Protein backbone atom coordinates (compact mmCIF):
# COMPACT_ATOMS: atom_id res chain seq x y z
CA MET A 1 -75.77 13.45 121.58
CA LYS A 2 -75.28 13.09 118.09
CA ILE A 3 -71.49 13.06 117.12
CA ALA A 4 -69.44 13.19 114.10
CA LEU A 5 -65.93 12.48 114.46
CA VAL A 6 -64.21 13.83 111.45
CA SER A 7 -60.67 12.57 110.46
CA PRO A 8 -58.36 14.20 107.48
CA TYR A 9 -56.41 10.93 107.56
CA ASP A 10 -56.71 7.57 105.93
CA PHE A 11 -58.89 5.79 108.03
CA ALA A 12 -57.73 2.40 106.83
CA TYR A 13 -53.88 3.31 107.64
CA PRO A 14 -53.05 3.33 111.27
CA GLY A 15 -51.64 6.67 113.08
CA GLY A 16 -51.89 8.94 116.16
CA VAL A 17 -55.09 10.46 115.02
CA VAL A 18 -56.96 7.88 113.52
CA ASN A 19 -55.92 5.58 116.85
CA HIS A 20 -57.44 8.44 118.94
CA ILE A 21 -60.54 8.87 116.76
CA SER A 22 -61.12 4.98 116.88
CA ALA A 23 -60.82 4.73 120.90
CA LEU A 24 -62.70 7.91 121.05
CA GLU A 25 -65.53 6.54 119.24
CA ARG A 26 -65.53 3.27 121.11
CA HIS A 27 -65.91 5.21 124.47
CA LEU A 28 -68.60 7.42 123.38
CA THR A 29 -70.44 5.05 122.14
CA ARG A 30 -70.14 2.90 125.33
CA MET A 31 -71.25 5.92 127.21
CA GLY A 32 -74.57 5.80 124.92
CA HIS A 33 -73.91 8.84 122.22
CA GLN A 34 -75.01 8.11 118.66
CA VAL A 35 -71.18 8.60 116.63
CA ARG A 36 -70.33 8.28 113.24
CA VAL A 37 -66.70 8.51 111.93
CA ILE A 38 -66.20 10.41 108.85
CA ALA A 39 -62.85 10.19 107.05
CA PRO A 40 -61.11 9.18 103.70
CA SER A 41 -60.35 5.66 103.37
CA SER A 42 -58.14 3.77 100.81
CA LYS A 43 -60.15 0.40 101.24
CA ALA A 44 -63.01 -0.91 103.27
CA VAL A 45 -63.29 -0.11 107.25
CA SER A 46 -65.17 -2.66 108.65
CA LEU A 47 -64.26 -1.96 112.47
CA PHE A 48 -67.51 0.49 112.84
CA GLY A 49 -69.94 -0.98 110.52
CA ASP A 50 -72.45 1.23 109.37
CA ARG A 51 -71.08 4.09 111.78
CA PHE A 52 -68.31 4.64 109.44
CA ILE A 53 -68.77 7.23 106.47
CA ALA A 54 -66.07 7.44 103.83
CA ILE A 55 -65.68 10.44 102.13
CA GLY A 56 -62.60 10.98 99.51
CA ARG A 57 -59.72 9.08 98.36
CA PRO A 58 -56.64 9.36 100.12
CA ARG A 59 -53.38 10.61 98.60
CA PRO A 60 -49.57 10.18 100.18
CA VAL A 61 -48.32 13.90 101.18
CA PRO A 62 -45.05 14.67 102.82
CA ALA A 63 -45.44 16.41 106.08
CA SER A 64 -43.72 16.93 109.32
CA GLY A 65 -41.02 14.55 108.43
CA SER A 66 -43.65 11.61 107.53
CA ILE A 67 -46.51 11.02 105.14
CA ALA A 68 -49.79 12.14 105.24
CA ARG A 69 -52.49 10.10 103.41
CA VAL A 70 -55.09 12.77 103.33
CA SER A 71 -57.72 13.24 100.41
CA LEU A 72 -56.89 16.30 97.98
CA SER A 73 -60.15 16.06 96.07
CA LEU A 74 -61.74 19.39 95.17
CA ARG A 75 -64.99 17.51 94.58
CA LEU A 76 -66.17 16.57 98.35
CA ALA A 77 -68.96 19.50 98.54
CA SER A 78 -71.90 17.39 97.22
CA ARG A 79 -71.34 14.19 99.52
CA ILE A 80 -70.56 16.54 102.56
CA LYS A 81 -73.66 18.36 102.06
CA GLU A 82 -75.79 15.14 101.60
CA VAL A 83 -74.23 13.67 105.08
CA LEU A 84 -74.69 16.90 107.11
CA ALA A 85 -78.26 17.00 105.94
CA GLN A 86 -79.04 13.46 106.34
CA GLU A 87 -77.32 13.02 109.95
CA LYS A 88 -78.20 16.18 111.75
CA PHE A 89 -75.25 16.44 114.13
CA ASP A 90 -75.19 17.95 117.81
CA ILE A 91 -71.56 18.25 117.75
CA ILE A 92 -69.16 17.69 114.75
CA HIS A 93 -65.62 17.24 115.99
CA LEU A 94 -62.82 17.86 113.74
CA HIS A 95 -59.63 16.58 113.98
CA GLU A 96 -56.86 19.16 112.24
CA PRO A 97 -59.89 20.99 111.24
CA PHE A 98 -57.73 22.95 108.63
CA CYS A 99 -56.03 19.91 107.19
CA PRO A 100 -56.82 19.77 103.55
CA MET A 101 -59.42 18.92 102.49
CA LEU A 102 -62.27 16.68 104.34
CA CYS A 103 -62.20 18.57 107.52
CA SER A 104 -61.80 21.98 106.17
CA ALA A 105 -64.48 21.04 103.67
CA VAL A 106 -66.55 20.00 106.39
CA LEU A 107 -66.14 22.89 108.52
CA ARG A 108 -66.88 25.13 105.92
CA PHE A 109 -70.44 23.62 105.11
CA SER A 110 -71.31 22.65 108.87
CA ASN A 111 -74.23 24.85 110.27
CA THR A 112 -74.00 23.24 113.82
CA VAL A 113 -71.58 23.28 116.86
CA ASN A 114 -68.30 22.53 115.34
CA ILE A 115 -65.21 21.88 117.88
CA GLY A 116 -61.41 21.24 116.66
CA THR A 117 -58.67 18.98 118.17
CA PHE A 118 -55.25 20.02 117.53
CA HIS A 119 -52.57 17.40 117.34
CA ALA A 120 -49.66 18.71 115.64
CA THR A 121 -46.81 20.48 117.47
CA GLN A 122 -44.37 21.24 114.09
CA SER A 123 -44.83 21.44 110.46
CA ARG A 124 -42.26 20.30 107.84
CA PRO A 125 -40.39 23.64 106.89
CA GLY A 126 -41.92 24.82 103.62
CA TYR A 127 -45.35 22.89 104.08
CA ASN A 128 -48.12 23.83 106.25
CA PHE A 129 -51.48 22.50 106.80
CA PHE A 130 -52.48 25.88 108.12
CA GLY A 131 -51.16 27.65 105.19
CA TRP A 132 -52.04 25.57 102.12
CA PRO A 133 -54.30 25.96 100.50
CA PHE A 134 -56.20 28.68 102.54
CA SER A 135 -55.21 32.38 102.50
CA ARG A 136 -55.15 34.18 105.47
CA ILE A 137 -58.80 35.57 104.74
CA MET A 138 -60.35 32.40 104.54
CA ARG A 139 -58.44 30.94 107.30
CA LYS A 140 -60.01 33.54 109.66
CA ARG A 141 -63.53 33.06 107.92
CA ARG A 142 -63.29 29.25 108.74
CA ALA A 143 -61.83 29.55 112.42
CA ARG A 144 -64.99 31.84 112.88
CA LYS A 145 -66.90 28.23 112.66
CA LEU A 146 -64.77 26.75 115.20
CA ASP A 147 -67.06 27.25 118.52
CA GLY A 148 -64.19 25.09 120.58
CA ARG A 149 -60.52 24.33 120.52
CA ILE A 150 -59.03 21.37 121.97
CA ALA A 151 -55.17 20.53 121.91
CA VAL A 152 -53.71 17.29 122.97
CA SER A 153 -50.61 19.29 124.74
CA ARG A 154 -49.17 22.34 125.31
CA PRO A 155 -46.87 22.12 122.58
CA ALA A 156 -49.79 21.28 120.07
CA MET A 157 -51.73 24.28 121.78
CA GLU A 158 -49.03 26.70 120.92
CA PHE A 159 -48.05 25.73 117.67
CA ALA A 160 -52.05 25.86 116.64
CA ALA A 161 -52.43 29.16 118.14
CA ARG A 162 -49.98 30.86 115.94
CA TYR A 163 -52.54 30.56 113.28
CA ILE A 164 -56.13 30.00 114.97
CA PRO A 165 -55.60 32.54 118.17
CA GLY A 166 -58.48 31.84 120.78
CA ASP A 167 -58.95 29.97 123.95
CA TYR A 168 -57.82 25.87 123.91
CA ASP A 169 -58.46 23.61 126.59
CA ILE A 170 -55.60 20.92 126.58
CA ILE A 171 -57.47 17.38 126.79
CA PRO A 172 -54.75 14.66 126.29
CA ASN A 173 -54.71 11.71 124.13
CA GLY A 174 -55.97 8.57 126.23
CA ILE A 175 -54.63 5.14 126.69
CA ASP A 176 -56.51 1.96 126.96
CA LEU A 177 -55.57 0.64 130.44
CA GLU A 178 -57.27 -2.40 129.96
CA HIS A 179 -55.71 -3.38 126.68
CA PHE A 180 -51.90 -2.02 127.89
CA SER A 181 -51.97 -4.14 131.23
CA PRO A 182 -49.20 -5.30 133.14
CA ASP A 183 -50.92 -8.81 133.54
CA VAL A 184 -50.44 -9.48 129.43
CA PRO A 185 -47.75 -12.68 129.03
CA LEU A 186 -44.10 -12.09 127.69
CA ILE A 187 -43.02 -13.15 124.42
CA GLU A 188 -41.29 -16.51 125.00
CA GLY A 189 -38.64 -16.00 122.22
CA PHE A 190 -37.31 -13.16 124.17
CA ARG A 191 -36.93 -14.84 127.67
CA ASP A 192 -33.38 -16.01 127.49
CA GLY A 193 -31.96 -13.79 130.41
CA LYS A 194 -30.87 -10.97 128.05
CA LEU A 195 -31.72 -7.22 129.11
CA ASN A 196 -34.04 -6.23 125.99
CA ILE A 197 -34.61 -2.59 124.81
CA LEU A 198 -37.45 -1.78 123.03
CA PHE A 199 -38.39 0.59 120.12
CA VAL A 200 -41.78 0.98 118.62
CA GLY A 201 -42.34 3.43 116.07
CA ARG A 202 -42.53 4.10 112.29
CA LEU A 203 -39.40 3.68 110.79
CA GLU A 204 -38.88 7.28 109.78
CA ARG A 205 -36.04 9.68 110.42
CA ARG A 206 -37.60 11.61 112.97
CA LYS A 207 -37.84 8.67 115.11
CA GLY A 208 -34.11 8.71 115.86
CA LEU A 209 -33.64 5.12 115.37
CA ASN A 210 -30.18 5.68 114.06
CA TYR A 211 -29.00 7.15 116.94
CA LEU A 212 -30.10 4.32 119.07
CA ILE A 213 -28.58 1.77 117.33
CA GLU A 214 -25.30 3.92 117.49
CA ALA A 215 -26.11 3.95 121.28
CA TYR A 216 -26.43 0.30 121.18
CA ARG A 217 -23.29 -0.38 119.76
CA GLN A 218 -21.78 1.26 122.54
CA VAL A 219 -24.48 -0.58 125.22
CA LYS A 220 -23.35 -3.64 123.63
CA LYS A 221 -19.74 -3.47 124.65
CA GLU A 222 -20.83 -2.97 128.40
CA TYR A 223 -23.70 -5.48 128.30
CA PRO A 224 -22.93 -8.35 125.71
CA GLU A 225 -26.14 -10.07 127.18
CA SER A 226 -28.50 -7.31 125.84
CA ARG A 227 -31.03 -7.40 123.04
CA LEU A 228 -32.33 -4.46 121.16
CA ILE A 229 -36.08 -4.83 119.60
CA VAL A 230 -37.29 -2.74 116.90
CA VAL A 231 -40.94 -2.65 116.34
CA GLY A 232 -42.56 -0.82 113.60
CA PRO A 233 -43.76 -0.39 109.70
CA GLY A 234 -41.21 0.95 107.09
CA LEU A 235 -39.72 -1.73 104.69
CA ARG A 236 -37.55 1.18 102.58
CA PRO A 237 -35.94 2.63 105.76
CA ARG A 238 -35.81 -0.65 107.31
CA ARG A 239 -32.83 -1.94 104.88
CA LYS A 240 -31.05 1.65 105.46
CA TYR A 241 -31.19 0.51 109.35
CA GLU A 242 -30.34 -3.11 108.81
CA LYS A 243 -27.15 -1.85 106.67
CA GLN A 244 -26.64 0.40 109.81
CA VAL A 245 -26.34 -2.69 112.17
CA ARG A 246 -24.37 -4.65 109.58
CA ARG A 247 -21.88 -2.07 109.17
CA SER A 248 -21.33 -1.68 112.97
CA GLY A 249 -20.94 -5.30 113.40
CA LEU A 250 -23.87 -5.67 115.89
CA LYS A 251 -25.74 -8.77 117.02
CA ASP A 252 -29.10 -9.00 118.76
CA VAL A 253 -30.54 -6.31 116.91
CA VAL A 254 -34.19 -7.67 115.89
CA PHE A 255 -36.30 -6.05 113.23
CA THR A 256 -39.98 -7.56 113.75
CA GLY A 257 -41.55 -5.50 111.36
CA PRO A 258 -45.18 -3.97 112.55
CA VAL A 259 -47.17 -5.72 114.86
CA SER A 260 -50.88 -5.91 115.70
CA TYR A 261 -52.63 -3.88 118.15
CA ASP A 262 -53.17 -6.96 120.24
CA GLU A 263 -49.31 -8.22 119.97
CA LEU A 264 -48.09 -4.77 121.02
CA PRO A 265 -48.37 -4.82 124.89
CA GLY A 266 -46.56 -8.33 124.76
CA TYR A 267 -43.55 -6.55 123.50
CA TYR A 268 -43.65 -3.70 125.91
CA LYS A 269 -44.04 -6.26 128.82
CA THR A 270 -41.12 -8.16 127.34
CA ALA A 271 -38.71 -5.16 127.61
CA ASP A 272 -36.38 -4.28 130.43
CA ILE A 273 -36.32 -0.46 128.94
CA PHE A 274 -38.24 1.27 126.39
CA CYS A 275 -36.57 4.09 124.38
CA SER A 276 -37.77 6.62 121.85
CA PRO A 277 -35.39 8.89 120.63
CA ALA A 278 -37.24 11.06 118.02
CA THR A 279 -35.53 14.24 117.06
CA GLY A 280 -38.57 16.31 117.44
CA ARG A 281 -42.17 17.01 115.76
CA GLU A 282 -43.84 14.85 118.43
CA SER A 283 -46.80 16.78 120.13
CA PHE A 284 -47.20 13.76 122.55
CA GLY A 285 -45.62 10.73 123.79
CA ILE A 286 -48.20 7.96 123.73
CA VAL A 287 -45.63 5.28 122.94
CA LEU A 288 -44.25 6.23 126.19
CA LEU A 289 -47.28 6.20 128.09
CA GLU A 290 -48.01 2.62 126.71
CA ALA A 291 -44.65 1.85 127.85
CA MET A 292 -45.18 3.19 131.40
CA ALA A 293 -48.76 1.33 131.67
CA LEU A 294 -46.72 -1.91 131.65
CA GLY A 295 -44.35 -0.68 134.46
CA LYS A 296 -41.45 -0.14 132.04
CA PRO A 297 -38.82 2.77 132.56
CA VAL A 298 -38.50 5.00 129.84
CA VAL A 299 -35.68 6.67 127.92
CA ALA A 300 -36.27 9.26 125.64
CA SER A 301 -35.70 12.27 123.76
CA ASP A 302 -36.13 15.64 125.65
CA ILE A 303 -38.62 16.91 123.32
CA PRO A 304 -41.21 19.41 124.41
CA GLY A 305 -44.05 16.49 123.09
CA TYR A 306 -42.03 13.75 125.54
CA ALA A 307 -41.50 16.16 128.32
CA SER A 308 -45.11 16.81 128.54
CA VAL A 309 -46.12 13.50 129.55
CA MET A 310 -42.85 12.52 131.82
CA THR A 311 -40.70 14.05 134.42
CA HIS A 312 -36.70 13.25 134.17
CA GLY A 313 -35.93 11.04 137.08
CA LYS A 314 -39.66 10.12 137.85
CA GLU A 315 -41.09 7.72 135.03
CA GLY A 316 -37.54 7.70 132.84
CA LEU A 317 -34.62 9.45 131.73
CA LEU A 318 -34.81 12.69 129.17
CA VAL A 319 -31.66 13.09 127.23
CA PRO A 320 -30.78 15.82 124.56
CA PRO A 321 -32.05 14.66 121.21
CA LYS A 322 -29.47 13.45 118.47
CA ASP A 323 -27.05 12.82 120.96
CA ALA A 324 -26.10 9.17 121.33
CA ASN A 325 -23.46 9.14 123.47
CA GLU A 326 -26.20 10.45 126.31
CA LEU A 327 -28.60 8.15 125.16
CA ALA A 328 -26.23 5.22 125.76
CA ARG A 329 -25.29 6.54 129.32
CA ALA A 330 -28.94 6.63 130.21
CA LEU A 331 -29.47 3.15 128.86
CA LEU A 332 -26.47 1.84 130.72
CA SER A 333 -27.29 3.63 134.14
CA LEU A 334 -30.61 2.12 134.12
CA MET A 335 -29.11 -1.47 132.86
CA ALA A 336 -26.81 -1.29 135.62
CA ASP A 337 -29.55 -0.36 138.36
CA GLU A 338 -32.44 -3.44 138.41
CA PRO A 339 -34.11 -1.69 141.95
CA ARG A 340 -34.29 1.69 140.10
CA ARG A 341 -35.64 0.21 136.99
CA ARG A 342 -38.61 -1.10 139.12
CA GLN A 343 -39.10 2.00 141.16
CA ILE A 344 -39.28 4.42 137.79
CA GLY A 345 -41.40 1.45 136.54
CA ALA A 346 -43.68 1.70 139.38
CA GLN A 347 -44.08 5.50 139.16
CA GLY A 348 -44.94 5.18 135.59
CA LEU A 349 -47.77 2.68 136.51
CA LEU A 350 -49.03 5.97 138.30
CA THR A 351 -48.90 8.18 135.98
CA THR A 352 -50.53 6.60 133.37
CA ARG A 353 -53.99 6.71 135.81
CA ASP A 354 -54.28 10.29 134.41
CA TYR A 355 -54.39 9.05 130.80
CA ASP A 356 -57.06 6.42 130.98
CA TRP A 357 -59.35 6.79 127.88
CA GLU A 358 -62.59 6.36 130.02
CA GLN A 359 -61.58 9.62 132.05
CA ILE A 360 -60.38 11.58 128.81
CA ALA A 361 -63.71 10.53 127.25
CA ARG A 362 -65.48 12.10 130.28
CA ARG A 363 -63.23 15.48 129.91
CA ILE A 364 -64.31 15.45 126.20
CA VAL A 365 -67.71 15.22 126.93
CA ALA A 366 -68.03 17.75 129.59
CA TYR A 367 -66.50 19.61 127.29
CA TYR A 368 -68.86 19.15 124.58
CA GLN A 369 -71.62 19.96 127.07
CA ARG A 370 -69.75 23.39 128.04
CA VAL A 371 -69.72 24.37 124.45
CA LEU A 372 -73.15 23.77 123.72
CA GLY A 373 -74.46 25.53 126.66
CA GLN A 374 -72.36 28.54 125.15
CA ALA A 375 -73.51 28.37 121.47
CA PRO A 376 -75.92 30.50 119.83
CA SER A 377 -79.29 28.88 119.42
CA ALA A 378 -79.89 30.10 116.18
CA LYS A 379 -78.24 27.94 113.26
CA ARG A 380 -75.64 29.52 111.07
CA LEU A 381 -76.27 31.15 107.89
CA PRO A 382 -74.21 28.74 105.29
CA GLU A 383 -70.82 30.56 104.83
CA TYR A 384 -70.56 32.38 101.52
CA GLU A 385 -67.59 31.81 99.22
CA ALA A 386 -66.71 32.18 95.54
CA THR A 387 -67.51 29.16 94.11
CA SER A 388 -63.90 29.18 92.43
CA VAL A 389 -62.80 28.50 96.18
CA PRO A 390 -62.02 24.54 96.50
CA ALA A 391 -64.39 23.21 98.93
C-alpha cells in the first residue's frame, strides 16, 4: 500500500504524536509499504530522506497546558493538491485530523480512503481544536470524509466521540522493545549506592513536577541516601523548579535537561523507581511503558490515561493527582521493599509485550485493510466549500 502519515505538529520538534508517527513509518516501511510523512517543519528533517514532505511553517500555540507547534497558514491548498495528485495514496492516515491547519486541509482535499487517529484526551479550557476554526456544519462535513477512526486509549476515544461520533477502534501507542531493553548499560555517574527516583517529561506545569519535589522533600528525610533525577526539556520552567529545590534546602536533585532518544533507556535502567505525577490531560502513558520495559516499578497519578496502561499494585502504584503526601507514601513504601520493587518490575516487563511496535503496526495495517474493504469503490467528488472558507 502507498500510505501518507499526516501530522499537524512541527516534525522537527519531539513530542508524543511525532514520535508515534516516526515509529509507525519505520515499521510500515519494514513491512514493505510505501510511506510518506507529511507535516509542517521549522527546519530540515533528514530522518526520512525523500519520504518526508514538508507543508506549512509551524507556530507555537498554547493548547492542553502545553505548546502545540502547528501551521496556521490559510495558504496550504495548492501545495496539498499538488502532493495528493502526484503521490496518489491508497490510505491517508491523519493524526489529530481536525487539528488546524494541515490535517484539516488534507482531509478536505483528499479523495482517497481517510483514517484518523485521535491522541488527545482533553483540551485546555476555552481552547479546543475540534471547535476552532470550524463551525459545527463544517466539522460534520469533514467528519463524513473519515472512513476510519482510531483512538490511542479509551479516554482519547471518549473525548473525540463528543465531537466526532462514530465507531472507533482502540489501538494504543507502541513502544520499541529493542530500544527500551533491560540489557542497556547503567549510567556510571549514578551508581553510588543511592536509591534513584526518575522523572521524565517536559517541564510543564501539568506534568506535576512541583508535587514530586515536595514529596521528595519528605522522602529525603527518611532516605538520606536517595536522589531525584529530572530528565526533560524546558529551560524557563526549570529555573522555577530549581528555585523550589533551593528553598526546600534539598540535596541530590539533578536536572539533566533534555537527553537524546539513544540516551534515554540508560536513565530508566539506572532508576530504582520511576515517578510520573502528571495532573491530567494525558491520554496515554508512554513514559510509564518505557520505564516498565526496563523492569522498573512505577509511581504515577491515578488519571484515566495512566490507568489505561497500568493497574494499581500490579505494575506500580497509582496515587491521587496533586497530592504530595500520598506521592511520598507510595515512594517510601517501594523504597523500603526491594523484593516488591523486583516483583512489580517483572510484571511491568510482561505488560509491555502487548505494546511492542511490531505488534501495534500489524494491528494498524489490519485496520487499514478492513477499512479499504468497506470503502466505496468510486472516488469521492471534491468537497464543495465557499472560497472564503480557510483551507
